[in-house]
Amino acid sequence: MTINVGIYEARTDFSRLIALVESGEEDVMVTRHGKPVAHIVAPEAHLQTPRAMLDDDARKEQRWQRWQAGRTIMREAFGDPDPSPEEVLSWIRDSRADL
């Protein structure tokens, strides 16, 4: 959660504000006349390098492509993989009848 503080309060209570940010409880938006001028956040928010961000995006894209390929294979093999609720209920009834 982000709290807004004026420059005067930020200057006088800087140690307390840093402790809040450090503990992960709050982010601090410093304002002058109600307009944001600085944002104090924990360093973890900025530690990811651009290379790591690109690698994460590439992995997400690969997972998406694998999911799409699997879905296509299932559709070709079994028809529409998203059965209607009525179909699911009939499968449940049929399986119970076999018991």
PDB file of N, CA and C in Angstrom:
ATOM      1  N   MET A   1       0.845  -1.167   0.000  1.00  0.00           N
ATOM      2  CA  MET A   1       0.000   0.000   0.000  1.00  0.00           C
ATOM      3  C   MET A   1       0.897   1.237   0.000  1.00  0.00           C
ATOM      4  N   THR A   2       0.441   2.275  -0.617  1.00  0.00           N
ATOM      5  CA  THR A   2       1.223   3.507  -0.717  1.00  0.00           C
ATOM      6  C   THR A   2       0.619   4.579   0.169  1.00  0.00           C
ATOM      7  N   ILE A   3       1.489   5.249   0.936  1.00  0.00           N
ATOM      8  CA  ILE A   3       1.020   6.382   1.729  1.00  0.00           C
ATOM      9  C   ILE A   3       1.606   7.652   1.124  1.00  0.00           C
ATOM     10  N   ASN A   4       0.872   8.721   1.192  1.00  0.00           N
ATOM     11  CA  ASN A   4       1.321  10.022   0.710  1.00  0.00           C
ATOM     12  C   ASN A   4       1.763  10.871   1.886  1.00  0.00           C
ATOM     13  N   VAL A   5       2.940  11.477   1.759  1.00  0.00           N
ATOM     14  CA  VAL A   5       3.427  12.384   2.793  1.00  0.00           C
ATOM     15  C   VAL A   5       3.991  13.619   2.115  1.00  0.00           C
ATOM     16  N   GLY A   6       3.861  14.746   2.784  1.00  0.00           N
ATOM     17  CA  GLY A   6       4.445  15.977   2.281  1.00  0.00           C
ATOM     18  C   GLY A   6       5.952  15.992   2.498  1.00  0.00           C
ATOM     19  N   ILE A   7       6.620  16.895   1.817  1.00  0.00           N
ATOM     20  CA  ILE A   7       8.078  16.976   1.926  1.00  0.00           C
ATOM     21  C   ILE A   7       8.513  17.243   3.362  1.00  0.00           C
ATOM     22  N   TYR A   8       7.817  18.134   4.067  1.00  0.00           N
ATOM     23  CA  TYR A   8       8.190  18.455   5.442  1.00  0.00           C
ATOM     24  C   TYR A   8       8.122  17.210   6.320  1.00  0.00           C
ATOM     25  N   GLU A   9       7.009  16.455   6.218  1.00  0.00           N
ATOM     26  CA  GLU A   9       6.866  15.238   7.021  1.00  0.00           C
ATOM     27  C   GLU A   9       7.913  14.202   6.624  1.00  0.00           C
ATOM     28  N   ALA A  10       8.191  14.090   5.338  1.00  0.00           N
ATOM     29  CA  ALA A  10       9.207  13.137   4.879  1.00  0.00           C
ATOM     30  C   ALA A  10      10.575  13.487   5.452  1.00  0.00           C
ATOM     31  N   ARG A  11      10.875  14.770   5.498  1.00  0.00           N
ATOM     32  CA  ARG A  11      12.169  15.202   6.018  1.00  0.00           C
ATOM     33  C   ARG A  11      12.268  14.964   7.525  1.00  0.00           C
ATOM     34  N   THR A  12      11.201  15.262   8.246  1.00  0.00           N
ATOM     35  CA  THR A  12      11.267  15.130   9.703  1.00  0.00           C
ATOM     36  C   THR A  12      11.148  13.683  10.165  1.00  0.00           C
ATOM     37  N   ASP A  13      10.410  12.843   9.413  1.00  0.00           N
ATOM     38  CA  ASP A  13      10.195  11.443   9.813  1.00  0.00           C
ATOM     39  C   ASP A  13      10.847  10.456   8.841  1.00  0.00           C
ATOM     40  N   PHE A  14      11.952  10.858   8.232  1.00  0.00           N
ATOM     41  CA  PHE A  14      12.565  10.036   7.196  1.00  0.00           C
ATOM     42  C   PHE A  14      12.917   8.636   7.703  1.00  0.00           C
ATOM     43  N   SER A  15      13.482   8.527   8.886  1.00  0.00           N
ATOM     44  CA  SER A  15      13.872   7.213   9.428  1.00  0.00           C
ATOM     45  C   SER A  15      12.662   6.302   9.594  1.00  0.00           C
ATOM     46  N   ARG A  16      11.573   6.853  10.103  1.00  0.00           N
ATOM     47  CA  ARG A  16      10.348   6.048  10.283  1.00  0.00           C
ATOM     48  C   ARG A  16       9.808   5.592   8.936  1.00  0.00           C
ATOM     49  N   LEU A  17       9.821   6.473   7.936  1.00  0.00           N
ATOM     50  CA  LEU A  17       9.317   6.121   6.618  1.00  0.00           C
ATOM     51  C   LEU A  17      10.182   5.049   5.968  1.00  0.00           C
ATOM     52  N   ILE A  18      11.486   5.178   6.115  1.00  0.00           N
ATOM     53  CA  ILE A  18      12.387   4.159   5.575  1.00  0.00           C
ATOM     54  C   ILE A  18      12.143   2.819   6.256  1.00  0.00           C
ATOM     55  N   ALA A  19      11.889   2.819   7.553  1.00  0.00           N
ATOM     56  CA  ALA A  19      11.603   1.579   8.272  1.00  0.00           C
ATOM     57  C   ALA A  19      10.328   0.925   7.740  1.00  0.00           C
ATOM     58  N   LEU A  20       9.318   1.733   7.431  1.00  0.00           N
ATOM     59  CA  LEU A  20       8.081   1.190   6.863  1.00  0.00           C
ATOM     60  C   LEU A  20       8.336   0.544   5.503  1.00  0.00           C
ATOM     61  N   VAL A  21       9.100   1.228   4.671  1.00  0.00           N
ATOM     62  CA  VAL A  21       9.410   0.692   3.345  1.00  0.00           C
ATOM     63  C   VAL A  21      10.261  -0.568   3.468  1.00  0.00           C
ATOM     64  N   GLU A  22      11.246  -0.528   4.348  1.00  0.00           N
ATOM     65  CA  GLU A  22      12.151  -1.654   4.536  1.00  0.00           C
ATOM     66  C   GLU A  22      11.413  -2.894   5.025  1.00  0.00           C
ATOM     67  N   SER A  23      10.409  -2.707   5.863  1.00  0.00           N
ATOM     68  CA  SER A  23       9.648  -3.843   6.383  1.00  0.00           C
ATOM     69  C   SER A  23       8.664  -4.399   5.362  1.00  0.00           C
ATOM     70  N   GLY A  24       8.460  -3.671   4.279  1.00  0.00           N
ATOM     71  CA  GLY A  24       7.528  -4.128   3.248  1.00  0.00           C
ATOM     72  C   GLY A  24       6.091  -3.739   3.512  1.00  0.00           C
ATOM     73  N   GLU A  25       5.846  -2.988   4.573  1.00  0.00           N
ATOM     74  CA  GLU A  25       4.481  -2.598   4.918  1.00  0.00           C
ATOM     75  C   GLU A  25       3.928  -1.548   3.968  1.00  0.00           C
ATOM     76  N   GLU A  26       4.758  -0.586   3.581  1.00  0.00           N
ATOM     77  CA  GLU A  26       4.272   0.560   2.819  1.00  0.00           C
ATOM     78  C   GLU A  26       5.279   0.978   1.758  1.00  0.00           C
ATOM     79  N   ASP A  27       4.776   1.636   0.725  1.00  0.00           N
ATOM     80  CA  ASP A  27       5.575   2.458  -0.176  1.00  0.00           C
ATOM     81  C   ASP A  27       5.226   3.886   0.195  1.00  0.00           C
ATOM     82  N   VAL A  28       6.125   4.814  -0.054  1.00  0.00           N
ATOM     83  CA  VAL A  28       5.890   6.197   0.341  1.00  0.00           C
ATOM     84  C   VAL A  28       5.945   7.093  -0.890  1.00  0.00           C
ATOM     85  N   MET A  29       4.891   7.845  -1.111  1.00  0.00           N
ATOM     86  CA  MET A  29       4.857   8.849  -2.163  1.00  0.00           C
ATOM     87  C   MET A  29       5.063  10.201  -1.499  1.00  0.00           C
ATOM     88  N   VAL A  30       6.138  10.882  -1.866  1.00  0.00           N
ATOM     89  CA  VAL A  30       6.438  12.198  -1.306  1.00  0.00           C
ATOM     90  C   VAL A  30       5.816  13.234  -2.228  1.00  0.00           C
ATOM     91  N   THR A  31       5.066  14.169  -1.637  1.00  0.00           N
ATOM     92  CA  THR A  31       4.362  15.163  -2.443  1.00  0.00           C
ATOM     93  C   THR A  31       4.781  16.582  -2.061  1.00  0.00           C
ATOM     94  N   ARG A  32       4.644  17.471  -3.032  1.00  0.00           N
ATOM     95  CA  ARG A  32       4.829  18.900  -2.794  1.00  0.00           C
ATOM     96  C   ARG A  32       3.552  19.581  -3.288  1.00  0.00           C
ATOM     97  N   HIS A  33       2.854  20.237  -2.387  1.00  0.00           N
ATOM     98  CA  HIS A  33       1.577  20.890  -2.698  1.00  0.00           C
ATOM     99  C   HIS A  33       0.592  19.895  -3.324  1.00  0.00           C
ATOM    100  N   GLY A  34       0.630  18.656  -2.825  1.00  0.00           N
ATOM    101  CA  GLY A  34      -0.308  17.634  -3.279  1.00  0.00           C
ATOM    102  C   GLY A  34       0.090  16.927  -4.558  1.00  0.00           C
ATOM    103  N   LYS A  35       1.213  17.304  -5.171  1.00  0.00           N
ATOM    104  CA  LYS A  35       1.655  16.666  -6.413  1.00  0.00           C
ATOM    105  C   LYS A  35       2.850  15.768  -6.122  1.00  0.00           C
ATOM    106  N   PRO A  36       2.844  14.528  -6.629  1.00  0.00           N
ATOM    107  CA  PRO A  36       3.951  13.599  -6.368  1.00  0.00           C
ATOM    108  C   PRO A  36       5.281  14.124  -6.923  1.00  0.00           C
ATOM    109  N   VAL A  37       6.329  14.015  -6.093  1.00  0.00           N
ATOM    110  CA  VAL A  37       7.664  14.409  -6.536  1.00  0.00           C
ATOM    111  C   VAL A  37       8.673  13.274  -6.368  1.00  0.00           C
ATOM    112  N   ALA A  38       8.388  12.295  -5.511  1.00  0.00           N
ATOM    113  CA  ALA A  38       9.294  11.165  -5.313  1.00  0.00           C
ATOM    114  C   ALA A  38       8.500   9.968  -4.804  1.00  0.00           C
ATOM    115  N   HIS A  39       9.010   8.783  -5.107  1.00  0.00           N
ATOM    116  CA  HIS A  39       8.361   7.554  -4.666  1.00  0.00           C
ATOM    117  C   HIS A  39       9.444   6.692  -4.025  1.00  0.00           C
ATOM    118  N   ILE A  40       9.278   6.362  -2.760  1.00  0.00           N
ATOM    119  CA  ILE A  40      10.245   5.541  -2.043  1.00  0.00           C
ATOM    120  C   ILE A  40       9.691   4.122  -1.993  1.00  0.00           C
ATOM    121  N   VAL A  41      10.422   3.184  -2.599  1.00  0.00           N
ATOM    122  CA  VAL A  41       9.991   1.784  -2.640  1.00  0.00           C
ATOM    123  C   VAL A  41      11.152   0.896  -2.223  1.00  0.00           C
ATOM    124  N   ALA A  42      10.835  -0.339  -1.864  1.00  0.00           N
ATOM    125  CA  ALA A  42      11.857  -1.311  -1.500  1.00  0.00           C
ATOM    126  C   ALA A  42      12.687  -1.660  -2.738  1.00  0.00           C
ATOM    127  N   PRO A  43      13.951  -1.976  -2.580  1.00  0.00           N
ATOM    128  CA  PRO A  43      14.813  -2.223  -3.743  1.00  0.00           C
ATOM    129  C   PRO A  43      14.435  -3.459  -4.539  1.00  0.00           C
ATOM    130  N   GLU A  44      13.735  -4.421  -3.937  1.00  0.00           N
ATOM    131  CA  GLU A  44      13.362  -5.628  -4.667  1.00  0.00           C
ATOM    132  C   GLU A  44      12.548  -5.311  -5.913  1.00  0.00           C
ATOM    133  N   ALA A  45      11.819  -4.217  -5.874  1.00  0.00           N
ATOM    134  CA  ALA A  45      11.002  -3.841  -7.024  1.00  0.00           C
ATOM    135  C   ALA A  45      11.854  -3.471  -8.226  1.00  0.00           C
ATOM    136  N   HIS A  46      13.127  -3.138  -8.004  1.00  0.00           N
ATOM    137  CA  HIS A  46      13.980  -2.681  -9.095  1.00  0.00           C
ATOM    138  C   HIS A  46      15.202  -3.560  -9.316  1.00  0.00           C
ATOM    139  N   LEU A  47      15.295  -4.697  -8.649  1.00  0.00           N
ATOM    140  CA  LEU A  47      16.484  -5.528  -8.757  1.00  0.00           C
ATOM    141  C   LEU A  47      16.508  -6.390 -10.011  1.00  0.00           C
ATOM    142  N   GLN A  48      15.369  -6.618 -10.635  1.00  0.00           N
ATOM    143  CA  GLN A  48      15.342  -7.466 -11.817  1.00  0.00           C
ATOM    144  C   GLN A  48      15.973  -6.722 -12.990  1.00  0.00           C
ATOM    145  N   THR A  49      16.957  -7.340 -13.594  1.00  0.00           N
ATOM    146  CA  THR A  49      17.661  -6.713 -14.702  1.00  0.00           C
ATOM    147  C   THR A  49      16.844  -6.814 -15.984  1.00  0.00           C
ATOM    148  N   PRO A  50      17.130  -5.970 -16.948  1.00  0.00           N
ATOM    149  CA  PRO A  50      16.420  -6.083 -18.230  1.00  0.00           C
ATOM    150  C   PRO A  50      16.572  -7.466 -18.856  1.00  0.00           C
ATOM    151  N   ARG A  51      17.731  -8.092 -18.716  1.00  0.00           N
ATOM    152  CA  ARG A  51      17.940  -9.426 -19.278  1.00  0.00           C
ATOM    153  C   ARG A  51      17.010 -10.437 -18.607  1.00  0.00           C
ATOM    154  N   ALA A  52      16.893 -10.351 -17.290  1.00  0.00           N
ATOM    155  CA  ALA A  52      15.998 -11.267 -16.571  1.00  0.00           C
ATOM    156  C   ALA A  52      14.556 -11.038 -16.989  1.00  0.00           C
ATOM    157  N   MET A  53      14.193  -9.783 -17.211  1.00  0.00           N
ATOM    158  CA  MET A  53      12.831  -9.483 -17.655  1.00  0.00           C
ATOM    159  C   MET A  53      12.582 -10.091 -19.033  1.00  0.00           C
ATOM    160  N   LEU A  54      13.555  -9.998 -19.933  1.00  0.00           N
ATOM    161  CA  LEU A  54      13.412 -10.593 -21.262  1.00  0.00           C
ATOM    162  C   LEU A  54      13.318 -12.115 -21.179  1.00  0.00           C
ATOM    163  N   ASP A  55      14.135 -12.727 -20.306  1.00  0.00           N
ATOM    164  CA  ASP A  55      14.074 -14.175 -20.131  1.00  0.00           C
ATOM    165  C   ASP A  55      12.709 -14.610 -19.607  1.00  0.00           C
ATOM    166  N   ASP A  56      12.151 -13.862 -18.641  1.00  0.00           N
ATOM    167  CA  ASP A  56      10.814 -14.174 -18.119  1.00  0.00           C
ATOM    168  C   ASP A  56       9.773 -14.093 -19.222  1.00  0.00           C
ATOM    169  N   ASP A  57       9.856 -13.055 -20.047  1.00  0.00           N
ATOM    170  CA  ASP A  57       8.906 -12.910 -21.152  1.00  0.00           C
ATOM    171  C   ASP A  57       9.034 -14.056 -22.137  1.00  0.00           C
ATOM    172  N   ALA A  58      10.269 -14.474 -22.424  1.00  0.00           N
ATOM    173  CA  ALA A  58      10.487 -15.579 -23.362  1.00  0.00           C
ATOM    174  C   ALA A  58       9.904 -16.873 -22.808  1.00  0.00           C
ATOM    175  N   ARG A  59      10.100 -17.126 -21.502  1.00  0.00           N
ATOM    176  CA  ARG A  59       9.536 -18.335 -20.893  1.00  0.00           C
ATOM    177  C   ARG A  59       8.013 -18.306 -20.929  1.00  0.00           C
ATOM    178  N   LYS A  60       7.423 -17.151 -20.665  1.00  0.00           N
ATOM    179  CA  LYS A  60       5.961 -17.049 -20.733  1.00  0.00           C
ATOM    180  C   LYS A  60       5.467 -17.332 -22.140  1.00  0.00           C
ATOM    181  N   GLU A  61       6.154 -16.808 -23.143  1.00  0.00           N
ATOM    182  CA  GLU A  61       5.766 -17.039 -24.532  1.00  0.00           C
ATOM    183  C   GLU A  61       5.895 -18.516 -24.891  1.00  0.00           C
ATOM    184  N   GLN A  62       6.972 -19.169 -24.446  1.00  0.00           N
ATOM    185  CA  GLN A  62       7.150 -20.596 -24.707  1.00  0.00           C
ATOM    186  C   GLN A  62       6.041 -21.416 -24.057  1.00  0.00           C
ATOM    187  N   ARG A  63       5.675 -21.078 -22.810  1.00  0.00           N
ATOM    188  CA  ARG A  63       4.582 -21.802 -22.135  1.00  0.00           C
ATOM    189  C   ARG A  63       3.273 -21.609 -22.887  1.00  0.00           C
ATOM    190  N   TRP A  64       3.024 -20.399 -23.356  1.00  0.00           N
ATOM    191  CA  TRP A  64       1.793 -20.114 -24.092  1.00  0.00           C
ATOM    192  C   TRP A  64       1.755 -20.926 -25.379  1.00  0.00           C
ATOM    193  N   GLN A  65       2.875 -20.991 -26.102  1.00  0.00           N
ATOM    194  CA  GLN A  65       2.919 -21.747 -27.347  1.00  0.00           C
ATOM    195  C   GLN A  65       2.724 -23.235 -27.098  1.00  0.00           C
ATOM    196  N   ARG A  66       3.341 -23.771 -26.010  1.00  0.00           N
ATOM    197  CA  ARG A  66       3.133 -25.184 -25.679  1.00  0.00           C
ATOM    198  C   ARG A  66       1.675 -25.454 -25.333  1.00  0.00           C
ATOM    199  N   TRP A  67       1.059 -24.551 -24.594  1.00  0.00           N
ATOM    200  CA  TRP A  67      -0.346 -24.724 -24.228  1.00  0.00           C
ATOM    201  C   TRP A  67      -1.221 -24.727 -25.474  1.00  0.00           C
ATOM    202  N   GLN A  68      -0.946 -23.778 -26.390  1.00  0.00           N
ATOM    203  CA  GLN A  68      -1.732 -23.711 -27.634  1.00  0.00           C
ATOM    204  C   GLN A  68      -1.556 -24.983 -28.455  1.00  0.00           C
ATOM    205  N   ALA A  69      -0.309 -25.486 -28.543  1.00  0.00           N
ATOM    206  CA  ALA A  69      -0.055 -26.703 -29.312  1.00  0.00           C
ATOM    207  C   ALA A  69      -0.781 -27.891 -28.682  1.00  0.00           C
ATOM    208  N   GLY A  70      -0.730 -27.998 -27.359  1.00  0.00           N
ATOM    209  CA  GLY A  70      -1.438 -29.080 -26.678  1.00  0.00           C
ATOM    210  C   GLY A  70      -2.935 -29.002 -26.891  1.00  0.00           C
ATOM    211  N   ARG A  71      -3.455 -27.822 -26.861  1.00  0.00           N
ATOM    212  CA  ARG A  71      -4.891 -27.638 -27.083  1.00  0.00           C
ATOM    213  C   ARG A  71      -5.277 -28.050 -28.498  1.00  0.00           C
ATOM    214  N   THR A  72      -4.443 -27.707 -29.476  1.00  0.00           N
ATOM    215  CA  THR A  72      -4.706 -28.092 -30.869  1.00  0.00           C
ATOM    216  C   THR A  72      -4.680 -29.608 -31.012  1.00  0.00           C
ATOM    217  N   ILE A  73      -3.696 -30.256 -30.388  1.00  0.00           N
ATOM    218  CA  ILE A  73      -3.607 -31.719 -30.448  1.00  0.00           C
ATOM    219  C   ILE A  73      -4.842 -32.350 -29.821  1.00  0.00           C
ATOM    220  N   MET A  74      -5.280 -31.839 -28.680  1.00  0.00           N
ATOM    221  CA  MET A  74      -6.473 -32.387 -28.017  1.00  0.00           C
ATOM    222  C   MET A  74      -7.712 -32.194 -28.878  1.00  0.00           C
ATOM    223  N   ARG A  75      -7.836 -31.037 -29.507  1.00  0.00           N
ATOM    224  CA  ARG A  75      -8.999 -30.803 -30.374  1.00  0.00           C
ATOM    225  C   ARG A  75      -9.006 -31.772 -31.544  1.00  0.00           C
ATOM    226  N   GLU A  76      -7.836 -32.008 -32.140  1.00  0.00           N
ATOM    227  CA  GLU A  76      -7.760 -32.929 -33.278  1.00  0.00           C
ATOM    228  C   GLU A  76      -8.070 -34.355 -32.848  1.00  0.00           C
ATOM    229  N   ALA A  77      -7.619 -34.732 -31.659  1.00  0.00           N
ATOM    230  CA  ALA A  77      -7.806 -36.101 -31.201  1.00  0.00           C
ATOM    231  C   ALA A  77      -9.204 -36.362 -30.648  1.00  0.00           C
ATOM    232  N   PHE A  78      -9.736 -35.410 -29.892  1.00  0.00           N
ATOM    233  CA  PHE A  78     -10.979 -35.667 -29.169  1.00  0.00           C
ATOM    234  C   PHE A  78     -12.109 -34.707 -29.498  1.00  0.00           C
ATOM    235  N   GLY A  79     -11.917 -33.824 -30.428  1.00  0.00           N
ATOM    236  CA  GLY A  79     -12.939 -32.833 -30.703  1.00  0.00           C
ATOM    237  C   GLY A  79     -12.775 -31.644 -29.779  1.00  0.00           C
ATOM    238  N   ASP A  80     -13.845 -30.926 -29.550  1.00  0.00           N
ATOM    239  CA  ASP A  80     -13.801 -29.723 -28.718  1.00  0.00           C
ATOM    240  C   ASP A  80     -13.434 -30.101 -27.285  1.00  0.00           C
ATOM    241  N   PRO A  81     -12.297 -29.592 -26.754  1.00  0.00           N
ATOM    242  CA  PRO A  81     -11.881 -29.971 -25.400  1.00  0.00           C
ATOM    243  C   PRO A  81     -12.682 -29.294 -24.292  1.00  0.00           C
ATOM    244  N   ASP A  82     -13.530 -28.360 -24.642  1.00  0.00           N
ATOM    245  CA  ASP A  82     -14.318 -27.654 -23.635  1.00  0.00           C
ATOM    246  C   ASP A  82     -15.755 -28.188 -23.665  1.00  0.00           C
ATOM    247  N   PRO A  83     -16.004 -29.261 -22.913  1.00  0.00           N
ATOM    248  CA  PRO A  83     -17.352 -29.839 -22.942  1.00  0.00           C
ATOM    249  C   PRO A  83     -18.367 -28.936 -22.253  1.00  0.00           C
ATOM    250  N   SER A  84     -19.589 -29.101 -22.657  1.00  0.00           N
ATOM    251  CA  SER A  84     -20.654 -28.335 -22.026  1.00  0.00           C
ATOM    252  C   SER A  84     -20.953 -28.941 -20.656  1.00  0.00           C
ATOM    253  N   PRO A  85     -21.626 -28.178 -19.785  1.00  0.00           N
ATOM    254  CA  PRO A  85     -21.980 -28.734 -18.464  1.00  0.00           C
ATOM    255  C   PRO A  85     -22.855 -29.982 -18.577  1.00  0.00           C
ATOM    256  N   GLU A  86     -23.714 -30.030 -19.577  1.00  0.00           N
ATOM    257  CA  GLU A  86     -24.568 -31.206 -19.757  1.00  0.00           C
ATOM    258  C   GLU A  86     -23.742 -32.446 -20.084  1.00  0.00           C
ATOM    259  N   GLU A  87     -22.693 -32.261 -20.928  1.00  0.00           N
ATOM    260  CA  GLU A  87     -21.824 -33.385 -21.261  1.00  0.00           C
ATOM    261  C   GLU A  87     -21.091 -33.887 -20.020  1.00  0.00           C
ATOM    262  N   VAL A  88     -20.616 -32.986 -19.207  1.00  0.00           N
ATOM    263  CA  VAL A  88     -19.907 -33.372 -17.995  1.00  0.00           C
ATOM    264  C   VAL A  88     -20.836 -34.141 -17.066  1.00  0.00           C
ATOM    265  N   LEU A  89     -22.056 -33.653 -16.900  1.00  0.00           N
ATOM    266  CA  LEU A  89     -23.021 -34.361 -16.046  1.00  0.00           C
ATOM    267  C   LEU A  89     -23.331 -35.747 -16.591  1.00  0.00           C
ATOM    268  N   SER A  90     -23.463 -35.876 -17.915  1.00  0.00           N
ATOM    269  CA  SER A  90     -23.744 -37.201 -18.479  1.00  0.00           C
ATOM    270  C   SER A  90     -22.561 -38.135 -18.266  1.00  0.00           C
ATOM    271  N   TRP A  91     -21.322 -37.629 -18.356  1.00  0.00           N
ATOM    272  CA  TRP A  91     -20.153 -38.468 -18.097  1.00  0.00           C
ATOM    273  C   TRP A  91     -20.150 -38.929 -16.643  1.00  0.00           C
ATOM    274  N   ILE A  92     -20.507 -38.034 -15.724  1.00  0.00           N
ATOM    275  CA  ILE A  92     -20.545 -38.397 -14.305  1.00  0.00           C
ATOM    276  C   ILE A  92     -21.607 -39.466 -14.069  1.00  0.00           C
ATOM    277  N   ARG A  93     -22.786 -39.255 -14.651  1.00  0.00           N
ATOM    278  CA  ARG A  93     -23.868 -40.255 -14.488  1.00  0.00           C
ATOM    279  C   ARG A  93     -23.448 -41.606 -15.063  1.00  0.00           C
ATOM    280  N   ASP A  94     -22.816 -41.592 -16.245  1.00  0.00           N
ATOM    281  CA  ASP A  94     -22.387 -42.838 -16.877  1.00  0.00           C
ATOM    282  C   ASP A  94     -21.342 -43.537 -16.010  1.00  0.00           C
ATOM    283  N   SER A  95     -20.414 -42.781 -15.439  1.00  0.00           N
ATOM    284  CA  SER A  95     -19.386 -43.408 -14.618  1.00  0.00           C
ATOM    285  C   SER A  95     -19.984 -43.989 -13.340  1.00  0.00           C
ATOM    286  N   ARG A  96     -20.999 -43.336 -12.797  1.00  0.00           N
ATOM    287  CA  ARG A  96     -21.660 -43.853 -11.587  1.00  0.00           C
ATOM    288  C   ARG A  96     -22.466 -45.098 -11.906  1.00  0.00           C
ATOM    289  N   ALA A  97     -23.042 -45.154 -13.104  1.00  0.00           N
ATOM    290  CA  ALA A  97     -23.815 -46.320 -13.492  1.00  0.00           C
ATOM    291  C   ALA A  97     -22.924 -47.546 -13.638  1.00  0.00           C
ATOM    292  N   ASP A  98     -21.643 -47.306 -14.016  1.00  0.00           N
ATOM    293  CA  ASP A  98     -20.725 -48.427 -14.174  1.00  0.00           C
ATOM    294  C   ASP A  98     -20.306 -49.025 -12.837  1.00  0.00           C
ATOM    295  N   LEU A  99     -20.456 -48.275 -11.753  1.00  0.00           N
ATOM    296  CA  LEU A  99     -20.044 -48.777 -10.432  1.00  0.00           C
ATOM    297  C   LEU A  99     -21.039 -49.703  -9.894  1.00  0.00           C
TER     298      LEU A  99
END
